[in-house]
C-alpha cells in the first residue's frame, strides 16, 4: 500500500514524465522512453519508502497494577462479580424485548468495569506514592524550622525559609494524594455497589414481568441508573487525571 501511494505521488509522476520526455527527445523509441519513465517512478518510490522515517507505533494505554489485598482490589472484585452476574443474567433470558434491552446494556456495563479497573490501578499507584511521604516527619521538620526562623538572624533566614517551603511542598503533595485516593476509593465503592444494585433490579424485573408485559418505564430507569454509574466513574477518572497528571 505504501509503495502504491508513492507511485501516485504527484512529484514522482512529474519526475517520471520528465525523464520519459528527455529519453524521447534523444530519439529513443517510444516504448523505451516509457520504460525509462516507469523505471524512474519505481526507483523514486522505493527510495522514498526506504528513507522515510518509520512511523511510531501506536502506544497502548498503560494499565496500572492493583495492589493485592488492598481496598481498591476488594471493590474491583466486587464490581467484576456484579458485571459477570449481569452478563449471566442477560444470557439466561429468553429471546424477546426484555432480553434485547438488557443485552443492549452489556457494552455499557463492560465499559464501566474497564473504567473501574483503571481507577483501581490509579488508587494503588496513589497509595504507593503516599507511602513515600512521611507526614509525621514532615510535621516535625516544619515545627523545627518554624522555631529556628523565630530566632534566626538575617544571614540564615533566607535558607531557612527555602527549607520550610520545601517541607511545605511535601505536605501539600500528601494532601493532594490523600484527597485523590479518598475520591478514587469512594467512586470504586459507589460503582461496585451500583452494579450490584443494577443486577438485583434486573433480576427483579425479569421475575415480575413477561415479554408480553415489559415495563418500559422500569427498563428505562435501569438504563438511566447504568448511565449514571458510567458517568460517575468517568468523571472521577478525568478529575483525578487533572489533579494528579
C-alpha atoms as a PDB file:
ATOM      1  CA  UNK A   1       0.000   0.000   0.000  1.00  0.00           C
ATOM      2  CA  UNK A   2       2.828   2.423   0.833  1.00  0.00           C
ATOM      3  CA  UNK A   3       4.529   1.655  -2.497  1.00  0.00           C
ATOM      4  CA  UNK A   4       1.294   2.305  -4.398  1.00  0.00           C
ATOM      5  CA  UNK A   5       0.832   5.627  -2.604  1.00  0.00           C
ATOM      6  CA  UNK A   6       4.352   6.666  -3.505  1.00  0.00           C
ATOM      7  CA  UNK A   7       3.755   5.743  -7.157  1.00  0.00           C
ATOM      8  CA  UNK A   8       0.730   8.055  -7.198  1.00  0.00           C
ATOM      9  CA  UNK A   9       2.593  10.933  -5.543  1.00  0.00           C
ATOM     10  CA  UNK A  10       2.366  13.981  -7.879  1.00  0.00           C
ATOM     11  CA  UNK A  11       6.060  14.924  -7.801  1.00  0.00           C
ATOM     12  CA  UNK A  12       7.013  11.348  -8.646  1.00  0.00           C
ATOM     13  CA  UNK A  13       4.719  11.384 -11.661  1.00  0.00           C
ATOM     14  CA  UNK A  14       6.198  14.703 -12.818  1.00  0.00           C
ATOM     15  CA  UNK A  15       9.715  13.330 -12.468  1.00  0.00           C
ATOM     16  CA  UNK A  16       8.801  10.165 -14.393  1.00  0.00           C
ATOM     17  CA  UNK A  17       7.140  12.144 -17.180  1.00  0.00           C
ATOM     18  CA  UNK A  18      10.133  14.461 -17.464  1.00  0.00           C
ATOM     19  CA  UNK A  19      12.532  11.515 -17.658  1.00  0.00           C
ATOM     20  CA  UNK A  20      10.436   9.839 -20.334  1.00  0.00           C
ATOM     21  CA  UNK A  21      10.288  13.089 -22.301  1.00  0.00           C
ATOM     22  CA  UNK A  22      14.065  13.504 -22.171  1.00  0.00           C
ATOM     23  CA  UNK A  23      14.530   9.905 -23.344  1.00  0.00           C
ATOM     24  CA  UNK A  24      12.187  10.522 -26.272  1.00  0.00           C
ATOM     25  CA  UNK A  25      13.986  13.793 -27.044  1.00  0.00           C
ATOM     26  CA  UNK A  26      17.259  11.942 -27.585  1.00  0.00           C
ATOM     27  CA  UNK A  27      15.432   9.784 -30.116  1.00  0.00           C
ATOM     28  CA  UNK A  28      14.914   6.633 -28.048  1.00  0.00           C
ATOM     29  CA  UNK A  29      11.970   4.522 -29.189  1.00  0.00           C
ATOM     30  CA  UNK A  30       8.654   5.404 -27.576  1.00  0.00           C
ATOM     31  CA  UNK A  31       8.495   2.091 -25.739  1.00  0.00           C
ATOM     32  CA  UNK A  32      11.993   2.618 -24.370  1.00  0.00           C
ATOM     33  CA  UNK A  33      11.184   6.170 -23.323  1.00  0.00           C
ATOM     34  CA  UNK A  34       8.098   4.969 -21.452  1.00  0.00           C
ATOM     35  CA  UNK A  35      10.208   2.283 -19.814  1.00  0.00           C
ATOM     36  CA  UNK A  36      12.656   4.950 -18.608  1.00  0.00           C
ATOM     37  CA  UNK A  37       9.807   6.894 -17.060  1.00  0.00           C
ATOM     38  CA  UNK A  38       8.395   3.820 -15.328  1.00  0.00           C
ATOM     39  CA  UNK A  39      11.844   2.864 -14.017  1.00  0.00           C
ATOM     40  CA  UNK A  40      12.427   6.360 -12.637  1.00  0.00           C
ATOM     41  CA  UNK A  41       8.997   6.376 -10.979  1.00  0.00           C
ATOM     42  CA  UNK A  42       9.560   2.969  -9.352  1.00  0.00           C
ATOM     43  CA  UNK A  43      13.058   3.902  -8.198  1.00  0.00           C
ATOM     44  CA  UNK A  44      11.835   7.166  -6.718  1.00  0.00           C
ATOM     45  CA  UNK A  45       9.019   5.370  -4.834  1.00  0.00           C
ATOM     46  CA  UNK A  46      11.425   2.763  -3.464  1.00  0.00           C
ATOM     47  CA  UNK A  47      13.911   5.368  -2.241  1.00  0.00           C
ATOM     48  CA  UNK A  48      11.135   7.409  -0.632  1.00  0.00           C
ATOM     49  CA  UNK A  49       9.878   4.409   1.332  1.00  0.00           C
ATOM     50  CA  UNK A  50      13.384   3.350   2.372  1.00  0.00           C
ATOM     51  CA  UNK A  51      14.428   6.801   3.564  1.00  0.00           C
ATOM     52  CA  UNK A  52      11.164   7.933   5.119  1.00  0.00           C
ATOM     53  CA  UNK A  53      11.206   7.992   8.890  1.00  0.00           C
ATOM     54  CA  UNK A  54       9.435   4.980  10.316  1.00  0.00           C
ATOM     55  CA  UNK A  55       6.037   5.870  11.727  1.00  0.00           C
ATOM     56  CA  UNK A  56       5.940   5.489  15.507  1.00  0.00           C
ATOM     57  CA  UNK A  57       3.994   2.503  16.722  1.00  0.00           C
ATOM     58  CA  UNK A  58       0.764   3.254  18.486  1.00  0.00           C
ATOM     59  CA  UNK A  59       1.264   3.163  22.225  1.00  0.00           C
ATOM     60  CA  UNK A  60      -1.209   1.157  24.197  1.00  0.00           C
ATOM     61  CA  UNK A  61      -2.801   2.708  27.250  1.00  0.00           C
ATOM     62  CA  UNK A  62      -0.788   1.970  30.345  1.00  0.00           C
ATOM     63  CA  UNK A  63      -2.511  -0.398  32.725  1.00  0.00           C
ATOM     64  CA  UNK A  64      -1.565   0.156  36.363  1.00  0.00           C
ATOM     65  CA  UNK A  65      -1.318  -2.809  38.696  1.00  0.00           C
ATOM     66  CA  UNK A  66      -3.799  -3.132  41.535  1.00  0.00           C
ATOM     67  CA  UNK A  67      -2.164  -3.862  44.901  1.00  0.00           C
ATOM     68  CA  UNK A  68      -3.174  -7.322  46.201  1.00  0.00           C
ATOM     69  CA  UNK A  69      -5.271  -7.235  49.356  1.00  0.00           C
ATOM     70  CA  UNK A  70      -5.936  -3.502  49.059  1.00  0.00           C
ATOM     71  CA  UNK A  71      -9.300  -1.823  49.490  1.00  0.00           C
ATOM     72  CA  UNK A  72      -9.362  -0.968  45.801  1.00  0.00           C
ATOM     73  CA  UNK A  73      -8.799  -4.598  44.852  1.00  0.00           C
ATOM     74  CA  UNK A  74     -11.710  -5.659  47.034  1.00  0.00           C
ATOM     75  CA  UNK A  75     -14.070  -3.169  45.406  1.00  0.00           C
ATOM     76  CA  UNK A  76     -12.818  -4.087  41.939  1.00  0.00           C
ATOM     77  CA  UNK A  77     -13.510  -7.774  42.600  1.00  0.00           C
ATOM     78  CA  UNK A  78     -16.977  -6.788  43.784  1.00  0.00           C
ATOM     79  CA  UNK A  79     -17.570  -4.875  40.547  1.00  0.00           C
ATOM     80  CA  UNK A  80     -16.245  -7.749  38.431  1.00  0.00           C
ATOM     81  CA  UNK A  81     -18.611 -10.143  40.180  1.00  0.00           C
ATOM     82  CA  UNK A  82     -21.541  -7.828  39.537  1.00  0.00           C
ATOM     83  CA  UNK A  83     -20.618  -7.460  35.864  1.00  0.00           C
ATOM     84  CA  UNK A  84     -20.321 -11.241  35.484  1.00  0.00           C
ATOM     85  CA  UNK A  85     -23.706 -11.616  37.179  1.00  0.00           C
ATOM     86  CA  UNK A  86     -25.259  -9.115  34.789  1.00  0.00           C
ATOM     87  CA  UNK A  87     -23.936 -10.955  31.721  1.00  0.00           C
ATOM     88  CA  UNK A  88     -25.033 -14.319  33.118  1.00  0.00           C
ATOM     89  CA  UNK A  89     -28.489 -12.951  33.818  1.00  0.00           C
ATOM     90  CA  UNK A  90     -28.693 -11.453  30.343  1.00  0.00           C
ATOM     91  CA  UNK A  91     -27.674 -14.753  28.742  1.00  0.00           C
ATOM     92  CA  UNK A  92     -30.335 -16.615  30.704  1.00  0.00           C
ATOM     93  CA  UNK A  93     -33.228 -14.536  29.354  1.00  0.00           C
ATOM     94  CA  UNK A  94     -35.438 -15.964  26.664  1.00  0.00           C
ATOM     95  CA  UNK A  95     -35.424 -14.110  23.369  1.00  0.00           C
ATOM     96  CA  UNK A  96     -37.748 -11.149  23.385  1.00  0.00           C
ATOM     97  CA  UNK A  97     -37.989  -7.390  24.005  1.00  0.00           C
ATOM     98  CA  UNK A  98     -36.714  -7.581  27.576  1.00  0.00           C
ATOM     99  CA  UNK A  99     -33.717  -9.738  26.619  1.00  0.00           C
ATOM    100  CA  UNK A 100     -32.867  -7.334  23.799  1.00  0.00           C
ATOM    101  CA  UNK A 101     -32.969  -4.302  26.050  1.00  0.00           C
ATOM    102  CA  UNK A 102     -30.869  -5.935  28.745  1.00  0.00           C
ATOM    103  CA  UNK A 103     -28.380  -7.134  26.116  1.00  0.00           C
ATOM    104  CA  UNK A 104     -28.069  -3.545  24.862  1.00  0.00           C
ATOM    105  CA  UNK A 105     -26.820  -2.583  28.328  1.00  0.00           C
ATOM    106  CA  UNK A 106     -23.973  -5.124  28.338  1.00  0.00           C
ATOM    107  CA  UNK A 107     -21.448  -2.948  26.440  1.00  0.00           C
ATOM    108  CA  UNK A 108     -22.019  -0.113  28.905  1.00  0.00           C
ATOM    109  CA  UNK A 109     -21.507  -2.499  31.826  1.00  0.00           C
ATOM    110  CA  UNK A 110     -18.206  -3.673  30.287  1.00  0.00           C
ATOM    111  CA  UNK A 111     -17.083  -0.102  29.651  1.00  0.00           C
ATOM    112  CA  UNK A 112     -17.913   0.856  33.226  1.00  0.00           C
ATOM    113  CA  UNK A 113     -15.959  -2.114  34.556  1.00  0.00           C
ATOM    114  CA  UNK A 114     -12.911  -1.194  32.462  1.00  0.00           C
ATOM    115  CA  UNK A 115     -13.001   2.327  33.852  1.00  0.00           C
ATOM    116  CA  UNK A 116     -13.255   0.935  37.382  1.00  0.00           C
ATOM    117  CA  UNK A 117     -10.171  -1.191  36.673  1.00  0.00           C
ATOM    118  CA  UNK A 118      -8.257   1.923  35.685  1.00  0.00           C
ATOM    119  CA  UNK A 119      -9.484   3.715  38.800  1.00  0.00           C
ATOM    120  CA  UNK A 120      -8.353   0.801  40.974  1.00  0.00           C
ATOM    121  CA  UNK A 121      -4.907   0.869  39.386  1.00  0.00           C
ATOM    122  CA  UNK A 122      -4.650   4.607  39.910  1.00  0.00           C
ATOM    123  CA  UNK A 123      -5.763   4.205  43.530  1.00  0.00           C
ATOM    124  CA  UNK A 124      -2.965   1.699  44.119  1.00  0.00           C
ATOM    125  CA  UNK A 125      -0.413   3.959  42.439  1.00  0.00           C
ATOM    126  CA  UNK A 126      -1.608   6.866  44.561  1.00  0.00           C
ATOM    127  CA  UNK A 127      -1.340   4.764  47.697  1.00  0.00           C
ATOM    128  CA  UNK A 128       2.259   3.844  46.854  1.00  0.00           C
ATOM    129  CA  UNK A 129       3.109   7.485  46.264  1.00  0.00           C
ATOM    130  CA  UNK A 130       1.522   8.394  49.595  1.00  0.00           C
ATOM    131  CA  UNK A 131       3.696   5.872  51.406  1.00  0.00           C
ATOM    132  CA  UNK A 132       6.776   7.771  50.240  1.00  0.00           C
ATOM    133  CA  UNK A 133       5.764  10.893  52.141  1.00  0.00           C
ATOM    134  CA  UNK A 134       6.248  10.544  55.894  1.00  0.00           C
ATOM    135  CA  UNK A 135       3.697  13.055  57.117  1.00  0.00           C
ATOM    136  CA  UNK A 136       4.788  12.781  60.758  1.00  0.00           C
ATOM    137  CA  UNK A 137       8.374  13.530  59.771  1.00  0.00           C
ATOM    138  CA  UNK A 138       7.204  16.443  57.646  1.00  0.00           C
ATOM    139  CA  UNK A 139       5.278  17.910  60.590  1.00  0.00           C
ATOM    140  CA  UNK A 140       8.292  17.571  62.865  1.00  0.00           C
ATOM    141  CA  UNK A 141      10.517  19.299  60.327  1.00  0.00           C
ATOM    142  CA  UNK A 142       8.019  22.110  59.915  1.00  0.00           C
ATOM    143  CA  UNK A 143       7.806  22.699  63.673  1.00  0.00           C
ATOM    144  CA  UNK A 144      11.603  22.688  63.962  1.00  0.00           C
ATOM    145  CA  UNK A 145      12.051  25.140  61.099  1.00  0.00           C
ATOM    146  CA  UNK A 146       9.319  27.422  62.439  1.00  0.00           C
ATOM    147  CA  UNK A 147      11.174  27.537  65.760  1.00  0.00           C
ATOM    148  CA  UNK A 148      14.522  28.271  64.162  1.00  0.00           C
ATOM    149  CA  UNK A 149      13.022  31.004  61.999  1.00  0.00           C
ATOM    150  CA  UNK A 150      11.702  32.861  65.009  1.00  0.00           C
ATOM    151  CA  UNK A 151      15.214  33.327  66.376  1.00  0.00           C
ATOM    152  CA  UNK A 152      17.237  33.297  63.134  1.00  0.00           C
ATOM    153  CA  UNK A 153      19.393  36.207  62.032  1.00  0.00           C
ATOM    154  CA  UNK A 154      19.204  37.676  58.557  1.00  0.00           C
ATOM    155  CA  UNK A 155      22.192  35.686  57.274  1.00  0.00           C
ATOM    156  CA  UNK A 156      20.389  32.358  57.509  1.00  0.00           C
ATOM    157  CA  UNK A 157      16.747  33.409  57.346  1.00  0.00           C
ATOM    158  CA  UNK A 158      16.554  33.036  53.569  1.00  0.00           C
ATOM    159  CA  UNK A 159      17.944  29.500  53.644  1.00  0.00           C
ATOM    160  CA  UNK A 160      15.557  28.514  56.418  1.00  0.00           C
ATOM    161  CA  UNK A 161      12.597  29.931  54.527  1.00  0.00           C
ATOM    162  CA  UNK A 162      13.560  27.899  51.444  1.00  0.00           C
ATOM    163  CA  UNK A 163      13.833  24.769  53.582  1.00  0.00           C
ATOM    164  CA  UNK A 164      10.423  25.476  55.103  1.00  0.00           C
ATOM    165  CA  UNK A 165       8.933  25.949  51.614  1.00  0.00           C
ATOM    166  CA  UNK A 166      10.342  22.579  50.564  1.00  0.00           C
ATOM    167  CA  UNK A 167       8.837  20.906  53.616  1.00  0.00           C
ATOM    168  CA  UNK A 168       5.501  22.597  52.981  1.00  0.00           C
ATOM    169  CA  UNK A 169       5.579  21.343  49.390  1.00  0.00           C
ATOM    170  CA  UNK A 170       5.809  17.783  50.704  1.00  0.00           C
ATOM    171  CA  UNK A 171       2.825  18.404  52.964  1.00  0.00           C
ATOM    172  CA  UNK A 172       0.861  19.802  50.027  1.00  0.00           C
ATOM    173  CA  UNK A 173       1.671  16.736  47.927  1.00  0.00           C
ATOM    174  CA  UNK A 174       0.453  14.483  50.723  1.00  0.00           C
ATOM    175  CA  UNK A 175      -2.788  16.452  50.953  1.00  0.00           C
ATOM    176  CA  UNK A 176      -3.443  16.184  47.215  1.00  0.00           C
ATOM    177  CA  UNK A 177      -2.632  12.478  47.117  1.00  0.00           C
ATOM    178  CA  UNK A 178      -4.807  11.746  50.136  1.00  0.00           C
ATOM    179  CA  UNK A 179      -7.747  13.614  48.633  1.00  0.00           C
ATOM    180  CA  UNK A 180      -7.348  11.857  45.295  1.00  0.00           C
ATOM    181  CA  UNK A 181      -7.141   8.403  46.876  1.00  0.00           C
ATOM    182  CA  UNK A 182     -10.198   9.057  49.024  1.00  0.00           C
ATOM    183  CA  UNK A 183     -12.117  10.145  45.916  1.00  0.00           C
ATOM    184  CA  UNK A 184     -10.980   7.076  43.963  1.00  0.00           C
ATOM    185  CA  UNK A 185     -11.947   4.656  46.718  1.00  0.00           C
ATOM    186  CA  UNK A 186     -15.317   6.335  47.187  1.00  0.00           C
ATOM    187  CA  UNK A 187     -16.054   6.046  43.461  1.00  0.00           C
ATOM    188  CA  UNK A 188     -14.897   2.427  43.345  1.00  0.00           C
ATOM    189  CA  UNK A 189     -17.266   1.652  46.192  1.00  0.00           C
ATOM    190  CA  UNK A 190     -20.105   3.569  44.547  1.00  0.00           C
ATOM    191  CA  UNK A 191     -19.521   1.917  41.184  1.00  0.00           C
ATOM    192  CA  UNK A 192     -19.311  -1.618  42.577  1.00  0.00           C
ATOM    193  CA  UNK A 193     -22.404  -1.238  44.721  1.00  0.00           C
ATOM    194  CA  UNK A 194     -24.215   0.470  41.863  1.00  0.00           C
ATOM    195  CA  UNK A 195     -23.547  -2.500  39.575  1.00  0.00           C
ATOM    196  CA  UNK A 196     -24.677  -4.844  42.346  1.00  0.00           C
ATOM    197  CA  UNK A 197     -27.904  -2.893  42.636  1.00  0.00           C
ATOM    198  CA  UNK A 198     -28.365  -2.945  38.883  1.00  0.00           C
ATOM    199  CA  UNK A 199     -28.108  -6.743  38.786  1.00  0.00           C
ATOM    200  CA  UNK A 200     -30.640  -7.040  41.588  1.00  0.00           C
ATOM    201  CA  UNK A 201     -33.074  -4.742  39.778  1.00  0.00           C
ATOM    202  CA  UNK A 202     -32.715  -6.670  36.516  1.00  0.00           C
ATOM    203  CA  UNK A 203     -33.355  -9.928  38.356  1.00  0.00           C
ATOM    204  CA  UNK A 204     -36.401  -8.410  39.989  1.00  0.00           C
ATOM    205  CA  UNK A 205     -37.686  -7.112  36.680  1.00  0.00           C
ATOM    206  CA  UNK A 206     -37.294 -10.469  34.940  1.00  0.00           C
ATOM    207  CA  UNK A 207     -39.158 -12.204  37.739  1.00  0.00           C
ATOM    208  CA  UNK A 208     -42.022  -9.692  37.767  1.00  0.00           C
ATOM    209  CA  UNK A 209     -42.655  -9.294  34.036  1.00  0.00           C
ATOM    210  CA  UNK A 210     -43.045 -11.317  30.870  1.00  0.00           C
ATOM    211  CA  UNK A 211     -42.036 -10.457  27.343  1.00  0.00           C
ATOM    212  CA  UNK A 212     -45.647  -9.511  26.686  1.00  0.00           C
ATOM    213  CA  UNK A 213     -45.813  -7.077  29.593  1.00  0.00           C
ATOM    214  CA  UNK A 214     -42.390  -5.444  29.581  1.00  0.00           C
ATOM    215  CA  UNK A 215     -42.380  -2.418  31.867  1.00  0.00           C
ATOM    216  CA  UNK A 216     -40.679   0.067  29.570  1.00  0.00           C
ATOM    217  CA  UNK A 217     -40.533   2.665  32.324  1.00  0.00           C
ATOM    218  CA  UNK A 218     -38.671   0.280  34.625  1.00  0.00           C
ATOM    219  CA  UNK A 219     -36.239  -0.671  31.856  1.00  0.00           C
ATOM    220  CA  UNK A 220     -35.624   3.000  31.158  1.00  0.00           C
ATOM    221  CA  UNK A 221     -34.880   3.532  34.844  1.00  0.00           C
ATOM    222  CA  UNK A 222     -32.319   0.727  34.687  1.00  0.00           C
ATOM    223  CA  UNK A 223     -30.660   2.322  31.659  1.00  0.00           C
ATOM    224  CA  UNK A 224     -30.590   5.681  33.423  1.00  0.00           C
ATOM    225  CA  UNK A 225     -29.107   4.061  36.532  1.00  0.00           C
ATOM    226  CA  UNK A 226     -26.374   2.412  34.495  1.00  0.00           C
ATOM    227  CA  UNK A 227     -25.614   5.619  32.627  1.00  0.00           C
ATOM    228  CA  UNK A 228     -25.322   7.439  35.946  1.00  0.00           C
ATOM    229  CA  UNK A 229     -22.791   4.870  37.170  1.00  0.00           C
ATOM    230  CA  UNK A 230     -20.828   5.145  33.931  1.00  0.00           C
ATOM    231  CA  UNK A 231     -20.750   8.930  34.032  1.00  0.00           C
ATOM    232  CA  UNK A 232     -19.696   8.920  37.669  1.00  0.00           C
ATOM    233  CA  UNK A 233     -16.670   6.711  37.153  1.00  0.00           C
ATOM    234  CA  UNK A 234     -15.626   8.595  34.005  1.00  0.00           C
ATOM    235  CA  UNK A 235     -15.863  11.959  35.743  1.00  0.00           C
ATOM    236  CA  UNK A 236     -13.796  10.662  38.648  1.00  0.00           C
ATOM    237  CA  UNK A 237     -11.150   9.350  36.265  1.00  0.00           C
ATOM    238  CA  UNK A 238     -10.953  12.673  34.448  1.00  0.00           C
ATOM    239  CA  UNK A 239     -10.873  14.678  37.688  1.00  0.00           C
ATOM    240  CA  UNK A 240      -8.070  12.610  39.225  1.00  0.00           C
ATOM    241  CA  UNK A 241      -6.111  12.715  35.984  1.00  0.00           C
ATOM    242  CA  UNK A 242      -6.288  16.509  36.006  1.00  0.00           C
ATOM    243  CA  UNK A 243      -5.307  16.781  39.661  1.00  0.00           C
ATOM    244  CA  UNK A 244      -2.503  14.213  39.602  1.00  0.00           C
ATOM    245  CA  UNK A 245      -1.392  14.458  35.988  1.00  0.00           C
END
